[in-house]
Amino acid sequence: MVIMLIGNKSDLESRRDVQKAEGEAFAREHGLVFMETSAKTSTNVEEAFIDTAKEIYRKIQQGLFDVNNEVMWGVTLCSPGTETSPPQSLVGKVAPLLSYGGGRGLMTPVPTPWRGTGVP
């Protein structure tokens, strides 16, 4: 599995909570790919997808991913309304990154102008 840790809003340097070096170090320690992006300026947005695809391809070439094993790496179609959950190993890796209730993680919830499934 390839997981990319994205530091977003890189255009807001003066409001930064996490330094780039801290994000890079965390990603390195946890085997993640790291990149900072800005949707506002389009900085590294496309590159994030390209780098993720390159990393997946590299792992396929190294034999680390079995592209013929649909159970492990393929896409599984579910019936409408069927809930799926990420593997516990992924949850365990990502959950400590989140910061709720005052703890400081690399990511914190950001207020959004909408709630639920609607789009503003």
N, C-alpha and C. Protein backbone atom coordinates (compact mmCIF):
# COMPACT_ATOMS: atom_id res chain seq x y z
N MET A 1 0.84 -1.16 0.00
CA MET A 1 0.00 0.00 0.00
C MET A 1 0.90 1.24 0.00
N VAL A 2 0.51 2.23 -0.75
CA VAL A 2 1.24 3.49 -0.78
C VAL A 2 0.35 4.55 -0.15
N ILE A 3 0.87 5.20 0.86
CA ILE A 3 0.13 6.27 1.53
C ILE A 3 0.95 7.55 1.40
N MET A 4 0.30 8.59 0.90
CA MET A 4 0.97 9.88 0.79
C MET A 4 0.41 10.82 1.85
N LEU A 5 1.31 11.39 2.62
CA LEU A 5 0.95 12.40 3.62
C LEU A 5 1.08 13.75 2.94
N ILE A 6 -0.03 14.48 2.88
CA ILE A 6 -0.06 15.77 2.19
C ILE A 6 -0.14 16.89 3.21
N GLY A 7 0.79 17.80 3.13
CA GLY A 7 0.69 19.05 3.88
C GLY A 7 0.03 20.06 2.96
N ASN A 8 -1.23 20.40 3.24
CA ASN A 8 -1.96 21.27 2.32
C ASN A 8 -1.86 22.74 2.74
N LYS A 9 -2.36 23.60 1.88
CA LYS A 9 -2.35 25.05 2.10
C LYS A 9 -0.93 25.59 2.26
N SER A 10 -0.02 25.07 1.46
CA SER A 10 1.38 25.52 1.56
C SER A 10 1.54 26.99 1.19
N ASP A 11 0.52 27.58 0.59
CA ASP A 11 0.57 29.00 0.26
C ASP A 11 0.37 29.90 1.49
N LEU A 12 -0.07 29.32 2.61
CA LEU A 12 -0.30 30.09 3.83
C LEU A 12 0.86 29.90 4.80
N GLU A 13 2.05 30.18 4.35
CA GLU A 13 3.27 29.97 5.14
C GLU A 13 3.21 30.66 6.50
N SER A 14 2.66 31.84 6.57
CA SER A 14 2.63 32.59 7.84
C SER A 14 1.69 31.96 8.87
N ARG A 15 0.79 31.09 8.45
CA ARG A 15 -0.15 30.46 9.37
C ARG A 15 0.19 28.99 9.63
N ARG A 16 1.39 28.60 9.30
CA ARG A 16 1.84 27.20 9.41
C ARG A 16 1.86 26.74 10.86
N ASP A 17 1.32 25.53 11.11
CA ASP A 17 1.39 24.89 12.42
C ASP A 17 2.46 23.81 12.46
N VAL A 18 2.71 23.18 11.31
CA VAL A 18 3.67 22.08 11.23
C VAL A 18 4.73 22.46 10.20
N GLN A 19 5.98 22.43 10.61
CA GLN A 19 7.07 22.75 9.70
C GLN A 19 7.26 21.62 8.68
N LYS A 20 7.71 21.98 7.50
CA LYS A 20 7.92 21.00 6.44
C LYS A 20 8.85 19.88 6.90
N ALA A 21 9.92 20.22 7.59
CA ALA A 21 10.88 19.22 8.06
C ALA A 21 10.22 18.23 9.01
N GLU A 22 9.27 18.70 9.82
CA GLU A 22 8.56 17.82 10.75
C GLU A 22 7.68 16.83 9.98
N GLY A 23 6.99 17.31 8.96
CA GLY A 23 6.17 16.43 8.13
C GLY A 23 7.01 15.41 7.39
N GLU A 24 8.15 15.87 6.85
CA GLU A 24 9.06 14.96 6.14
C GLU A 24 9.61 13.89 7.07
N ALA A 25 9.99 14.28 8.28
CA ALA A 25 10.53 13.32 9.25
C ALA A 25 9.48 12.30 9.64
N PHE A 26 8.26 12.76 9.89
CA PHE A 26 7.18 11.84 10.26
C PHE A 26 6.92 10.85 9.13
N ALA A 27 6.85 11.35 7.90
CA ALA A 27 6.61 10.48 6.76
C ALA A 27 7.72 9.45 6.61
N ARG A 28 8.95 9.89 6.76
CA ARG A 28 10.10 8.98 6.65
C ARG A 28 10.02 7.89 7.72
N GLU A 29 9.72 8.27 8.96
CA GLU A 29 9.65 7.32 10.08
C GLU A 29 8.54 6.29 9.89
N HIS A 30 7.47 6.65 9.18
CA HIS A 30 6.32 5.76 9.03
C HIS A 30 6.18 5.18 7.63
N GLY A 31 7.19 5.37 6.80
CA GLY A 31 7.16 4.79 5.46
C GLY A 31 6.13 5.42 4.54
N LEU A 32 5.87 6.70 4.72
CA LEU A 32 4.90 7.41 3.90
C LEU A 32 5.62 8.29 2.89
N VAL A 33 4.92 8.64 1.84
CA VAL A 33 5.42 9.61 0.87
C VAL A 33 4.91 10.97 1.34
N PHE A 34 5.75 12.00 1.30
CA PHE A 34 5.34 13.32 1.79
C PHE A 34 5.47 14.38 0.71
N MET A 35 4.51 15.28 0.69
CA MET A 35 4.56 16.41 -0.23
C MET A 35 3.68 17.52 0.33
N GLU A 36 4.08 18.75 0.11
CA GLU A 36 3.24 19.88 0.46
C GLU A 36 2.57 20.39 -0.81
N THR A 37 1.30 20.79 -0.68
CA THR A 37 0.53 21.24 -1.83
C THR A 37 -0.24 22.52 -1.50
N SER A 38 -0.70 23.16 -2.55
CA SER A 38 -1.61 24.30 -2.43
C SER A 38 -2.63 24.21 -3.55
N ALA A 39 -3.88 24.02 -3.20
CA ALA A 39 -4.92 24.02 -4.22
C ALA A 39 -5.11 25.43 -4.78
N LYS A 40 -4.89 26.44 -3.96
CA LYS A 40 -5.06 27.83 -4.39
C LYS A 40 -4.11 28.18 -5.52
N THR A 41 -2.85 27.78 -5.39
CA THR A 41 -1.85 28.10 -6.42
C THR A 41 -1.56 26.93 -7.35
N SER A 42 -2.19 25.80 -7.10
CA SER A 42 -1.99 24.55 -7.87
C SER A 42 -0.60 23.96 -7.68
N THR A 43 0.12 24.40 -6.67
CA THR A 43 1.46 23.89 -6.42
C THR A 43 1.42 22.44 -5.97
N ASN A 44 2.08 21.58 -6.71
CA ASN A 44 2.26 20.15 -6.39
C ASN A 44 0.98 19.32 -6.35
N VAL A 45 -0.15 19.87 -6.78
CA VAL A 45 -1.39 19.09 -6.75
C VAL A 45 -1.30 17.92 -7.73
N GLU A 46 -0.98 18.21 -8.97
CA GLU A 46 -0.84 17.14 -9.97
C GLU A 46 0.34 16.24 -9.63
N GLU A 47 1.42 16.82 -9.15
CA GLU A 47 2.61 16.06 -8.79
C GLU A 47 2.32 15.03 -7.69
N ALA A 48 1.41 15.36 -6.78
CA ALA A 48 1.07 14.42 -5.71
C ALA A 48 0.50 13.13 -6.29
N PHE A 49 -0.37 13.25 -7.28
CA PHE A 49 -0.94 12.07 -7.92
C PHE A 49 0.12 11.32 -8.72
N ILE A 50 0.93 12.08 -9.44
CA ILE A 50 1.98 11.46 -10.27
C ILE A 50 2.99 10.72 -9.40
N ASP A 51 3.43 11.36 -8.31
CA ASP A 51 4.40 10.71 -7.43
C ASP A 51 3.83 9.46 -6.77
N THR A 52 2.55 9.50 -6.42
CA THR A 52 1.91 8.31 -5.85
C THR A 52 1.89 7.19 -6.87
N ALA A 53 1.51 7.50 -8.11
CA ALA A 53 1.49 6.49 -9.17
C ALA A 53 2.88 5.94 -9.43
N LYS A 54 3.89 6.81 -9.42
CA LYS A 54 5.27 6.34 -9.62
C LYS A 54 5.71 5.40 -8.50
N GLU A 55 5.34 5.71 -7.28
CA GLU A 55 5.70 4.86 -6.14
C GLU A 55 5.01 3.50 -6.23
N ILE A 56 3.75 3.50 -6.64
CA ILE A 56 3.03 2.23 -6.84
C ILE A 56 3.72 1.42 -7.93
N TYR A 57 4.05 2.07 -9.04
CA TYR A 57 4.72 1.38 -10.14
C TYR A 57 6.07 0.81 -9.70
N ARG A 58 6.82 1.60 -8.94
CA ARG A 58 8.13 1.14 -8.44
C ARG A 58 7.97 -0.12 -7.58
N LYS A 59 6.95 -0.13 -6.73
CA LYS A 59 6.74 -1.29 -5.86
C LYS A 59 6.27 -2.50 -6.66
N ILE A 60 5.51 -2.27 -7.72
CA ILE A 60 5.12 -3.38 -8.60
C ILE A 60 6.36 -3.96 -9.26
N GLN A 61 7.24 -3.09 -9.77
CA GLN A 61 8.46 -3.54 -10.43
C GLN A 61 9.38 -4.31 -9.47
N GLN A 62 9.37 -3.94 -8.20
CA GLN A 62 10.19 -4.62 -7.20
C GLN A 62 9.54 -5.92 -6.72
N GLY A 63 8.32 -6.19 -7.19
CA GLY A 63 7.63 -7.40 -6.76
C GLY A 63 6.97 -7.29 -5.40
N LEU A 64 6.85 -6.07 -4.88
CA LEU A 64 6.23 -5.88 -3.57
C LEU A 64 4.71 -5.91 -3.64
N PHE A 65 4.15 -5.59 -4.81
CA PHE A 65 2.71 -5.64 -5.02
C PHE A 65 2.41 -6.73 -6.04
N ASP A 66 1.45 -7.58 -5.73
CA ASP A 66 1.00 -8.60 -6.67
C ASP A 66 -0.28 -8.07 -7.32
N VAL A 67 -0.14 -7.54 -8.53
CA VAL A 67 -1.29 -6.93 -9.19
C VAL A 67 -2.33 -7.96 -9.62
N ASN A 68 -2.00 -9.23 -9.57
CA ASN A 68 -2.94 -10.28 -9.94
C ASN A 68 -3.76 -10.77 -8.75
N ASN A 69 -3.43 -10.32 -7.56
CA ASN A 69 -4.13 -10.75 -6.35
C ASN A 69 -5.19 -9.71 -6.01
N GLU A 70 -6.43 -9.94 -6.50
CA GLU A 70 -7.51 -8.98 -6.28
C GLU A 70 -7.88 -8.84 -4.82
N VAL A 71 -7.69 -9.90 -4.04
CA VAL A 71 -8.04 -9.84 -2.62
C VAL A 71 -7.15 -8.85 -1.90
N MET A 72 -5.87 -8.83 -2.22
CA MET A 72 -4.94 -7.95 -1.51
C MET A 72 -4.88 -6.54 -2.10
N TRP A 73 -4.86 -6.41 -3.42
CA TRP A 73 -4.59 -5.10 -4.01
C TRP A 73 -5.63 -4.64 -5.02
N GLY A 74 -6.54 -5.49 -5.40
CA GLY A 74 -7.50 -5.12 -6.43
C GLY A 74 -8.65 -4.31 -5.89
N VAL A 75 -9.54 -3.98 -6.77
CA VAL A 75 -10.74 -3.23 -6.42
C VAL A 75 -11.87 -4.23 -6.30
N THR A 76 -12.62 -4.13 -5.23
CA THR A 76 -13.76 -5.02 -5.01
C THR A 76 -15.03 -4.20 -5.09
N LEU A 77 -15.96 -4.62 -5.93
CA LEU A 77 -17.24 -3.93 -6.03
C LEU A 77 -18.18 -4.46 -4.97
N CYS A 78 -18.89 -3.56 -4.31
CA CYS A 78 -19.84 -3.93 -3.27
C CYS A 78 -21.23 -3.53 -3.70
N SER A 79 -22.22 -4.16 -3.09
CA SER A 79 -23.61 -3.78 -3.34
C SER A 79 -23.85 -2.37 -2.81
N PRO A 80 -24.76 -1.63 -3.41
CA PRO A 80 -25.07 -0.30 -2.88
C PRO A 80 -25.46 -0.37 -1.41
N GLY A 81 -24.94 0.54 -0.63
CA GLY A 81 -25.27 0.58 0.79
C GLY A 81 -24.37 -0.28 1.65
N THR A 82 -23.50 -1.09 1.02
CA THR A 82 -22.58 -1.92 1.79
C THR A 82 -21.47 -1.05 2.33
N GLU A 83 -21.24 -1.14 3.62
CA GLU A 83 -20.18 -0.34 4.23
C GLU A 83 -18.87 -1.12 4.19
N THR A 84 -17.80 -0.42 3.93
CA THR A 84 -16.48 -1.03 3.97
C THR A 84 -15.61 -0.25 4.93
N SER A 85 -14.62 -0.89 5.48
CA SER A 85 -13.72 -0.23 6.42
C SER A 85 -12.29 -0.43 5.94
N PRO A 86 -11.42 0.56 6.19
CA PRO A 86 -10.02 0.37 5.82
C PRO A 86 -9.39 -0.70 6.69
N PRO A 87 -8.33 -1.35 6.23
CA PRO A 87 -7.66 -2.35 7.05
C PRO A 87 -7.20 -1.74 8.37
N GLN A 88 -7.24 -2.52 9.44
CA GLN A 88 -6.85 -2.01 10.76
C GLN A 88 -5.42 -1.50 10.77
N SER A 89 -4.55 -2.10 9.96
CA SER A 89 -3.16 -1.62 9.94
C SER A 89 -3.10 -0.18 9.43
N LEU A 90 -3.96 0.16 8.48
CA LEU A 90 -4.02 1.52 7.97
C LEU A 90 -4.60 2.46 9.03
N VAL A 91 -5.66 2.02 9.69
CA VAL A 91 -6.28 2.83 10.73
C VAL A 91 -5.26 3.11 11.83
N GLY A 92 -4.52 2.09 12.24
CA GLY A 92 -3.52 2.26 13.29
C GLY A 92 -2.41 3.22 12.89
N LYS A 93 -2.09 3.28 11.61
CA LYS A 93 -1.02 4.15 11.14
C LYS A 93 -1.49 5.60 11.02
N VAL A 94 -2.74 5.79 10.60
CA VAL A 94 -3.24 7.13 10.34
C VAL A 94 -3.85 7.78 11.58
N ALA A 95 -4.50 6.99 12.43
CA ALA A 95 -5.19 7.56 13.59
C ALA A 95 -4.32 8.44 14.47
N PRO A 96 -3.07 8.07 14.75
CA PRO A 96 -2.25 8.94 15.60
C PRO A 96 -1.94 10.30 14.98
N LEU A 97 -2.13 10.43 13.68
CA LEU A 97 -1.86 11.70 13.01
C LEU A 97 -2.92 12.74 13.33
N LEU A 98 -4.11 12.28 13.66
CA LEU A 98 -5.22 13.19 13.88
C LEU A 98 -5.15 13.78 15.27
N SER A 99 -5.60 14.98 15.40
CA SER A 99 -5.56 15.67 16.68
C SER A 99 -6.95 16.15 17.03
N TYR A 100 -7.60 15.48 17.94
CA TYR A 100 -8.91 15.89 18.41
C TYR A 100 -8.84 16.09 19.91
N GLY A 101 -9.61 17.01 20.42
CA GLY A 101 -9.68 17.21 21.86
C GLY A 101 -8.44 17.81 22.48
N GLY A 102 -7.71 18.61 21.73
CA GLY A 102 -6.59 19.32 22.32
C GLY A 102 -5.22 18.71 22.11
N GLY A 103 -5.12 17.43 21.76
CA GLY A 103 -3.81 16.84 21.51
C GLY A 103 -3.24 17.40 20.22
N ARG A 104 -1.92 17.46 20.11
CA ARG A 104 -1.31 18.01 18.89
C ARG A 104 -0.80 16.89 18.00
N GLY A 105 -1.46 16.70 16.88
CA GLY A 105 -1.00 15.77 15.87
C GLY A 105 -0.53 16.56 14.68
N LEU A 106 -0.22 15.88 13.60
CA LEU A 106 0.20 16.59 12.40
C LEU A 106 -0.98 17.22 11.68
N MET A 107 -2.17 16.66 11.90
CA MET A 107 -3.35 17.20 11.24
C MET A 107 -4.37 17.55 12.30
N THR A 108 -5.08 18.61 12.08
CA THR A 108 -6.17 18.98 12.98
C THR A 108 -7.41 19.23 12.15
N PRO A 109 -8.58 18.98 12.73
CA PRO A 109 -9.81 19.23 11.98
C PRO A 109 -9.90 20.71 11.61
N VAL A 110 -10.43 20.98 10.45
CA VAL A 110 -10.57 22.35 9.99
C VAL A 110 -12.05 22.64 9.83
N PRO A 111 -12.54 23.77 10.35
CA PRO A 111 -13.95 24.09 10.18
C PRO A 111 -14.28 24.21 8.69
N THR A 112 -15.42 23.67 8.30
CA THR A 112 -15.85 23.77 6.92
C THR A 112 -17.20 24.47 6.88
N PRO A 113 -17.52 25.12 5.76
CA PRO A 113 -18.77 25.86 5.68
C PRO A 113 -19.99 24.98 5.48
N TRP A 114 -19.83 23.68 5.41
CA TRP A 114 -20.95 22.79 5.22
C TRP A 114 -20.77 21.54 6.06
N ARG A 115 -21.84 20.83 6.23
CA ARG A 115 -21.83 19.56 6.97
C ARG A 115 -22.62 18.54 6.17
N GLY A 116 -22.35 17.28 6.39
CA GLY A 116 -23.10 16.23 5.73
C GLY A 116 -22.59 15.98 4.33
N THR A 117 -23.50 15.55 3.45
CA THR A 117 -23.08 15.15 2.11
C THR A 117 -23.26 16.24 1.08
N GLY A 118 -23.85 17.35 1.46
CA GLY A 118 -24.08 18.43 0.50
C GLY A 118 -22.79 19.13 0.13
N VAL A 119 -22.82 19.81 -0.97
CA VAL A 119 -21.67 20.58 -1.43
C VAL A 119 -22.06 22.04 -1.39
N PRO A 120 -21.17 22.92 -0.91
CA PRO A 120 -21.55 24.34 -0.79
C PRO A 120 -21.85 24.97 -2.14
